[in-house]
Amino acid sequence: MNKSKRNKILTLLLFVQIGLIYLFSKFPGFVESGYSTGIYTYISQFFRFLFGWIPFSFGDIIYAILIVFIFRFLFQFIKSKYQARKYLVFQFLAGVSIFYFCFYFFWGINYSRQPLTSTLELTTENYDINKLKSLTDRLIFKIIDIKSQITSHDSIAVVIPYSKSEILDKTELGYQNLKKDFLQFQYKPSSIKKSLFSLPLTYMGFSGYFNPLTGEAQVDYLVPKISLPMISSHEVAHQLGYASESEANFIGFMAANYHDDLYFKYSAYLTAINYALSDIYRSDPDLYQIYLDVLPRGIIINMLESRKFWAKYENPAEPLFKAFYDGFLKVNQQKDGLKSYNKMVDLLISYDLKYTLY
């Protein structure tokens, strides 16, 4: 088969694949039982065994090579004549077809799985300000208790004593505890890496990402250490097949909260409080200020530590990257886009009503 004919067949298969993915989205129960808790468990473990031992992000290297090929294609396309451009377009679409297959077969079908509220049998009602206030009260009470076990000085911020590599190594211990109550969150072997693109990732406004081509979880190595336990736990949730950002946030919180280490617990509650207070601010700015006045100064300092970090890297291109990712999430069954991160609060309230957080 000549290359031209092969490229046209692969291009045709791209549209067939798009249709199949759309069809899968209509049968979440089938995806959950046949793929997410079936085929995908073997795919994810295979990739973590294959690449987990490598001390650097192999997936980042693959992405770097793909970026080079894209620029090479653009250069060739611009300088080529019409007939050559026609061939290049089919060649490019053939490459997209292969990437599309790998992305969805290796992981992306998880976007169509059943929601976590269904598998954990949680209620899905909309919650009012009173339930949000009740959750926030409990979160604040707990983080103050955790902080008091780390340092008795209210005005002193928590400083994690571990290196960032040690934090990544410790992340799976929270999942080992979590699986005792929820077997579906079993995580072994580990494959969490610092991103080779941490600086551009920061300028894009992202703290980490999951690479479906290699099964590796990448974290932004520049973020403050106080945020890292929760970030790494979040990315592991994606490795386990939870594509929803709100669900990955919730599972990451649960894993860090189940961790025996107080610094992981503190990072989890710090993140949860940020999301809860963000929701309160939208509903009642005056109540938001009351909560800020109640929080110990040390906790406020930790909250500001993360905000100041991201403020340093704000740039005109960041909204464009976030707009693209927002659209990507909406195309893949997450109708709230980037706002879905905040839906973690709804899951926390649902979980707290059924099981209680602590």
Protein backbone atom coordinates (compact mmCIF):
# COMPACT_ATOMS: atom_id res chain seq x y z
CA MET A 1 0.00 0.00 0.00
CA ASN A 2 1.46 3.37 -1.01
CA LYS A 3 1.72 6.20 1.53
CA SER A 4 -0.93 8.36 -0.14
CA LYS A 5 -3.57 5.62 0.03
CA ARG A 6 -2.59 4.75 3.62
CA ASN A 7 -2.96 8.38 4.68
CA LYS A 8 -6.42 8.63 3.13
CA ILE A 9 -7.56 5.45 4.90
CA LEU A 10 -6.24 6.73 8.23
CA THR A 11 -7.99 10.05 7.64
CA LEU A 12 -11.26 8.23 7.00
CA LEU A 13 -10.72 6.21 10.18
CA LEU A 14 -10.34 9.46 12.13
CA PHE A 15 -13.97 10.33 11.42
CA VAL A 16 -15.04 6.76 12.21
CA GLN A 17 -13.29 7.06 15.56
CA ILE A 18 -14.98 10.38 16.34
CA GLY A 19 -18.33 8.71 15.69
CA LEU A 20 -17.46 5.77 17.95
CA ILE A 21 -16.37 8.04 20.79
CA TYR A 22 -19.65 9.93 20.50
CA LEU A 23 -21.50 6.61 20.61
CA PHE A 24 -19.60 5.52 23.73
CA SER A 25 -20.63 8.75 25.45
CA LYS A 26 -24.24 7.55 25.28
CA PHE A 27 -23.51 4.35 27.22
CA PRO A 28 -21.64 5.30 30.45
CA GLY A 29 -22.59 2.03 32.13
CA PHE A 30 -20.96 0.02 29.37
CA VAL A 31 -17.87 2.25 29.47
CA GLU A 32 -17.63 1.88 33.25
CA SER A 33 -17.82 -1.92 33.28
CA GLY A 34 -16.18 -2.74 29.97
CA TYR A 35 -13.43 -0.14 29.78
CA SER A 36 -12.82 1.94 32.93
CA THR A 37 -12.88 -0.96 35.39
CA GLY A 38 -11.92 -3.51 32.75
CA ILE A 39 -9.54 -2.95 29.84
CA TYR A 40 -8.19 0.34 31.16
CA THR A 41 -6.96 -1.14 34.45
CA TYR A 42 -4.56 -3.37 32.49
CA ILE A 43 -3.51 -0.56 30.14
CA SER A 44 -2.70 1.81 33.02
CA GLN A 45 -0.77 -0.78 35.02
CA PHE A 46 1.19 -1.80 31.94
CA PHE A 47 2.25 1.78 31.22
CA ARG A 48 3.20 2.44 34.85
CA PHE A 49 5.33 -0.72 34.89
CA LEU A 50 6.86 0.23 31.55
CA PHE A 51 7.72 3.86 32.29
CA GLY A 52 7.40 4.26 36.06
CA TRP A 53 11.01 3.28 36.77
CA ILE A 54 12.42 5.94 34.41
CA PRO A 55 13.55 8.92 36.57
CA PHE A 56 12.39 11.53 34.04
CA SER A 57 9.19 12.13 32.11
CA PHE A 58 9.35 9.99 28.98
CA GLY A 59 5.97 11.36 27.92
CA ASP A 60 7.31 14.91 27.87
CA ILE A 61 9.98 13.81 25.40
CA ILE A 62 7.30 12.28 23.17
CA TYR A 63 5.34 15.54 23.30
CA ALA A 64 8.50 17.50 22.44
CA ILE A 65 9.01 15.29 19.37
CA LEU A 66 5.36 15.78 18.35
CA ILE A 67 5.74 19.56 18.62
CA VAL A 68 8.82 19.41 16.37
CA PHE A 69 6.86 17.41 13.79
CA ILE A 70 4.00 19.93 13.88
CA PHE A 71 6.35 22.84 13.22
CA ARG A 72 8.04 20.79 10.50
CA PHE A 73 4.66 20.17 8.87
CA LEU A 74 3.77 23.89 8.99
CA PHE A 75 7.12 24.83 7.43
CA GLN A 76 6.71 22.27 4.63
CA PHE A 77 3.09 23.28 4.06
CA ILE A 78 3.92 26.97 3.68
CA LYS A 79 6.73 26.43 1.19
CA SER A 80 4.96 23.70 -0.85
CA LYS A 81 2.78 24.04 -3.96
CA TYR A 82 -0.89 23.02 -4.17
CA GLN A 83 -0.46 19.34 -5.10
CA ALA A 84 2.16 18.80 -2.42
CA ARG A 85 -0.04 20.59 0.13
CA LYS A 86 -2.88 18.19 -0.60
CA TYR A 87 -0.61 15.26 0.21
CA LEU A 88 0.68 16.98 3.37
CA VAL A 89 -2.85 17.61 4.64
CA PHE A 90 -3.73 13.91 4.37
CA GLN A 91 -0.39 13.04 5.98
CA PHE A 92 -1.15 15.38 8.87
CA LEU A 93 -4.70 14.06 9.32
CA ALA A 94 -3.32 10.50 9.27
CA GLY A 95 -1.03 11.47 12.13
CA VAL A 96 -3.96 13.06 13.98
CA SER A 97 -5.92 9.84 13.48
CA ILE A 98 -3.16 7.76 15.08
CA PHE A 99 -2.83 10.22 17.98
CA TYR A 100 -6.62 10.31 18.43
CA PHE A 101 -6.75 6.52 18.66
CA CYS A 102 -3.92 6.37 21.20
CA PHE A 103 -5.37 9.18 23.31
CA TYR A 104 -8.83 7.69 23.60
CA PHE A 105 -8.00 3.98 23.65
CA PHE A 106 -5.21 4.40 26.22
CA TRP A 107 -7.27 6.70 28.48
CA GLY A 108 -9.71 9.19 26.92
CA ILE A 109 -12.74 6.87 26.83
CA ASN A 110 -12.84 7.45 30.59
CA TYR A 111 -14.47 10.80 29.86
CA SER A 112 -17.63 8.79 29.15
CA ARG A 113 -17.61 6.64 32.27
CA GLN A 114 -20.30 6.78 34.97
CA PRO A 115 -20.04 9.74 37.36
CA LEU A 116 -18.41 9.13 40.74
CA THR A 117 -21.65 10.04 42.49
CA SER A 118 -23.15 6.93 40.90
CA THR A 119 -20.35 4.49 41.74
CA LEU A 120 -20.06 5.81 45.33
CA GLU A 121 -23.88 6.08 45.60
CA LEU A 122 -23.81 9.75 46.61
CA THR A 123 -26.73 12.15 46.32
CA THR A 124 -26.57 14.62 43.44
CA GLU A 125 -28.93 17.40 44.58
CA ASN A 126 -27.99 21.06 44.40
CA TYR A 127 -26.82 22.42 47.73
CA ASP A 128 -27.72 25.74 49.28
CA ILE A 129 -25.54 28.22 51.15
CA ASN A 130 -26.35 26.60 54.50
CA LYS A 131 -24.89 23.24 53.50
CA LEU A 132 -21.89 25.01 52.00
CA LYS A 133 -21.44 26.97 55.22
CA SER A 134 -21.70 23.78 57.28
CA LEU A 135 -19.01 22.09 55.15
CA THR A 136 -16.74 25.14 55.37
CA ASP A 137 -17.10 25.23 59.16
CA ARG A 138 -16.03 21.60 59.36
CA LEU A 139 -13.11 22.09 56.98
CA ILE A 140 -11.82 25.06 58.98
CA PHE A 141 -12.19 23.22 62.27
CA LYS A 142 -10.20 20.30 60.85
CA ILE A 143 -7.38 22.32 59.27
CA ILE A 144 -6.90 24.28 62.51
CA ASP A 145 -6.65 20.97 64.35
CA ILE A 146 -4.13 19.58 61.85
CA LYS A 147 -2.06 22.77 61.96
CA SER A 148 -1.98 22.72 65.76
CA GLN A 149 -0.37 19.27 65.58
CA ILE A 150 2.33 20.65 63.27
CA THR A 151 2.94 23.98 64.99
CA SER A 152 1.24 25.56 67.99
CA HIS A 153 1.84 29.11 66.70
CA ASP A 154 -1.22 30.45 64.88
CA SER A 155 0.74 33.13 63.07
CA ILE A 156 3.36 30.78 61.62
CA ALA A 157 2.72 29.21 58.21
CA VAL A 158 3.22 25.48 57.67
CA VAL A 159 6.44 24.59 55.86
CA ILE A 160 6.68 21.06 54.46
CA PRO A 161 10.08 19.64 55.50
CA TYR A 162 10.38 17.18 52.59
CA SER A 163 11.97 17.73 49.22
CA LYS A 164 9.62 17.80 46.24
CA SER A 165 10.91 14.39 45.13
CA GLU A 166 10.07 12.99 48.56
CA ILE A 167 6.55 14.40 48.30
CA LEU A 168 6.03 12.63 44.97
CA ASP A 169 7.39 9.38 46.43
CA LYS A 170 5.05 9.61 49.43
CA THR A 171 1.92 10.28 47.38
CA GLU A 172 0.99 6.64 46.78
CA LEU A 173 0.90 5.97 50.56
CA GLY A 174 -2.37 7.91 50.80
CA TYR A 175 -3.88 5.71 48.11
CA GLN A 176 -2.73 2.60 49.94
CA ASN A 177 -4.82 3.71 52.91
CA LEU A 178 -7.75 4.85 50.76
CA LYS A 179 -8.07 1.49 48.99
CA LYS A 180 -8.82 -0.20 52.34
CA ASP A 181 -12.21 1.53 52.29
CA PHE A 182 -12.58 2.00 48.52
CA LEU A 183 -10.97 -0.78 46.51
CA GLN A 184 -11.49 1.06 43.21
CA PHE A 185 -8.77 3.53 44.21
CA GLN A 186 -6.01 0.93 44.36
CA TYR A 187 -2.82 2.43 42.95
CA LYS A 188 0.29 0.40 42.19
CA PRO A 189 2.89 0.80 40.76
CA SER A 190 3.60 4.51 41.02
CA SER A 191 4.58 6.72 38.09
CA ILE A 192 4.65 10.39 39.14
CA LYS A 193 7.22 12.64 37.50
CA LYS A 194 8.24 16.29 37.51
CA SER A 195 7.39 17.83 34.16
CA LEU A 196 10.32 18.74 31.95
CA PHE A 197 8.10 21.61 30.81
CA SER A 198 7.41 23.00 34.28
CA LEU A 199 8.21 26.59 33.34
CA PRO A 200 5.98 26.79 30.24
CA LEU A 201 3.34 24.78 32.14
CA THR A 202 3.37 27.48 34.83
CA TYR A 203 3.01 30.27 32.28
CA MET A 204 0.05 28.37 30.84
CA GLY A 205 -1.52 28.35 34.31
CA PHE A 206 -1.50 24.58 34.92
CA SER A 207 -0.06 22.76 37.93
CA GLY A 208 0.18 19.34 36.32
CA TYR A 209 -1.20 17.00 33.72
CA PHE A 210 -1.62 13.34 32.87
CA ASN A 211 0.00 11.91 29.74
CA PRO A 212 -2.24 9.17 28.28
CA LEU A 213 0.48 8.09 25.83
CA THR A 214 2.75 6.86 28.64
CA GLY A 215 0.47 6.68 31.69
CA GLU A 216 2.74 9.11 33.59
CA ALA A 217 1.47 11.80 35.94
CA GLN A 218 3.38 15.04 35.46
CA VAL A 219 3.47 17.80 38.06
CA ASP A 220 4.68 21.38 37.77
CA TYR A 221 7.90 21.27 39.79
CA LEU A 222 7.89 25.02 40.39
CA VAL A 223 4.72 25.18 42.48
CA PRO A 224 5.02 25.84 46.24
CA LYS A 225 5.60 22.67 48.23
CA ILE A 226 2.50 23.32 50.32
CA SER A 227 0.37 22.67 47.20
CA LEU A 228 2.31 19.70 45.84
CA PRO A 229 0.80 16.83 47.92
CA MET A 230 -2.66 17.71 46.69
CA ILE A 231 -1.51 18.28 43.09
CA SER A 232 0.29 14.94 42.88
CA SER A 233 -2.70 13.15 44.47
CA HIS A 234 -4.98 14.81 41.90
CA GLU A 235 -2.87 13.60 38.97
CA VAL A 236 -2.83 10.04 40.34
CA ALA A 237 -6.64 10.10 40.24
CA HIS A 238 -6.37 10.77 36.49
CA GLN A 239 -4.01 7.78 36.22
CA LEU A 240 -6.71 5.65 37.82
CA GLY A 241 -9.07 6.59 35.01
CA TYR A 242 -11.01 9.49 36.52
CA ALA A 243 -10.99 12.04 33.72
CA SER A 244 -13.37 14.53 35.34
CA GLU A 245 -11.41 17.36 36.96
CA SER A 246 -13.88 17.68 39.83
CA GLU A 247 -13.69 13.94 40.53
CA ALA A 248 -9.88 13.97 40.33
CA ASN A 249 -9.87 16.89 42.78
CA PHE A 250 -12.18 15.02 45.15
CA ILE A 251 -10.27 11.73 44.93
CA GLY A 252 -6.97 13.60 45.35
CA PHE A 253 -8.38 15.22 48.48
CA MET A 254 -9.51 11.86 49.82
CA ALA A 255 -6.12 10.22 49.21
CA ALA A 256 -4.22 13.10 50.84
CA ASN A 257 -6.71 13.13 53.73
CA TYR A 258 -6.30 9.37 54.25
CA HIS A 259 -2.52 9.81 54.30
CA ASP A 260 -0.79 9.18 57.63
CA ASP A 261 1.34 12.28 57.09
CA LEU A 262 -0.03 15.53 58.58
CA TYR A 263 1.51 17.63 55.80
CA PHE A 264 -0.49 15.75 53.18
CA LYS A 265 -3.66 16.21 55.22
CA TYR A 266 -2.93 19.91 55.62
CA SER A 267 -2.39 20.37 51.87
CA ALA A 268 -5.70 18.59 51.18
CA TYR A 269 -7.72 20.76 53.56
CA LEU A 270 -5.99 23.93 52.40
CA THR A 271 -7.10 23.18 48.84
CA ALA A 272 -10.64 22.25 49.91
CA ILE A 273 -11.03 25.45 51.92
CA ASN A 274 -9.87 27.53 48.96
CA TYR A 275 -12.57 26.00 46.77
CA ALA A 276 -15.25 26.28 49.48
CA LEU A 277 -14.42 29.93 50.19
CA SER A 278 -14.43 30.65 46.46
CA ASP A 279 -18.01 29.35 46.27
CA ILE A 280 -19.00 31.35 49.35
CA TYR A 281 -17.52 34.53 47.87
CA ARG A 282 -19.73 34.19 44.80
CA SER A 283 -22.81 33.79 47.00
CA ASP A 284 -22.05 36.09 49.93
CA PRO A 285 -18.88 38.29 49.89
CA ASP A 286 -19.58 39.51 53.44
CA LEU A 287 -19.66 35.94 54.77
CA TYR A 288 -16.44 35.26 52.86
CA GLN A 289 -14.74 38.10 54.75
CA ILE A 290 -16.03 36.76 58.07
CA TYR A 291 -14.38 33.41 57.33
CA LEU A 292 -11.09 35.10 56.44
CA ASP A 293 -11.18 36.90 59.77
CA VAL A 294 -11.67 33.59 61.58
CA LEU A 295 -8.80 31.74 59.90
CA PRO A 296 -5.46 31.79 61.77
CA ARG A 297 -2.83 34.02 60.18
CA GLY A 298 -0.54 31.05 59.43
CA ILE A 299 -3.22 29.43 57.27
CA ILE A 300 -3.87 32.71 55.45
CA ILE A 301 -0.14 32.97 54.70
CA ASN A 302 -0.19 29.48 53.17
CA MET A 303 -3.21 30.40 51.05
CA LEU A 304 -1.51 33.57 49.83
CA GLU A 305 1.69 31.64 49.11
CA SER A 306 -0.02 29.82 46.26
CA ARG A 307 -1.84 32.90 44.96
CA LYS A 308 1.34 34.99 44.92
CA PHE A 309 3.15 32.23 43.05
CA TRP A 310 0.58 32.12 40.22
CA ALA A 311 0.33 35.91 40.13
CA LYS A 312 4.04 36.10 39.27
CA TYR A 313 3.48 34.09 36.08
CA GLU A 314 0.32 35.76 34.79
CA ASN A 315 0.69 36.68 31.12
CA PRO A 316 -1.47 37.57 28.09
CA ALA A 317 -1.23 34.04 26.63
CA GLU A 318 -2.52 32.24 29.74
CA PRO A 319 -6.23 32.99 29.07
CA LEU A 320 -5.83 31.57 25.57
CA PHE A 321 -4.45 28.27 26.86
CA LYS A 322 -7.20 28.07 29.47
CA ALA A 323 -9.87 28.90 26.90
CA PHE A 324 -8.58 26.05 24.71
CA TYR A 325 -8.59 23.60 27.64
CA ASP A 326 -12.02 24.85 28.71
CA GLY A 327 -13.34 23.99 25.25
CA PHE A 328 -11.57 20.64 25.29
CA LEU A 329 -13.24 19.71 28.59
CA LYS A 330 -16.67 20.73 27.30
CA VAL A 331 -16.24 18.59 24.18
CA ASN A 332 -15.37 15.67 26.45
CA GLN A 333 -18.52 15.48 28.58
CA GLN A 334 -17.53 18.16 31.14
CA LYS A 335 -20.14 20.80 30.40
CA ASP A 336 -18.80 23.20 33.03
CA GLY A 337 -15.33 23.26 31.49
CA LEU A 338 -12.69 24.71 33.82
CA LYS A 339 -15.42 25.55 36.32
CA SER A 340 -15.74 21.81 36.92
CA TYR A 341 -12.72 22.02 39.25
CA ASN A 342 -14.99 23.80 41.74
CA LYS A 343 -17.57 20.99 41.55
CA MET A 344 -15.27 19.22 44.02
CA VAL A 345 -17.18 21.12 46.73
CA ASP A 346 -20.46 19.44 45.69
CA LEU A 347 -18.76 16.05 45.97
CA LEU A 348 -17.36 16.91 49.40
CA ILE A 349 -20.82 17.88 50.64
CA SER A 350 -22.36 14.71 49.20
CA TYR A 351 -19.64 12.54 50.71
CA ASP A 352 -19.82 14.31 54.07
CA LEU A 353 -23.57 13.71 54.27
CA LYS A 354 -23.16 9.98 53.69
CA TYR A 355 -19.82 9.04 55.27
CA THR A 356 -18.58 12.19 57.11
CA LEU A 357 -15.15 13.55 56.22
CA TYR A 358 -13.59 12.77 59.62
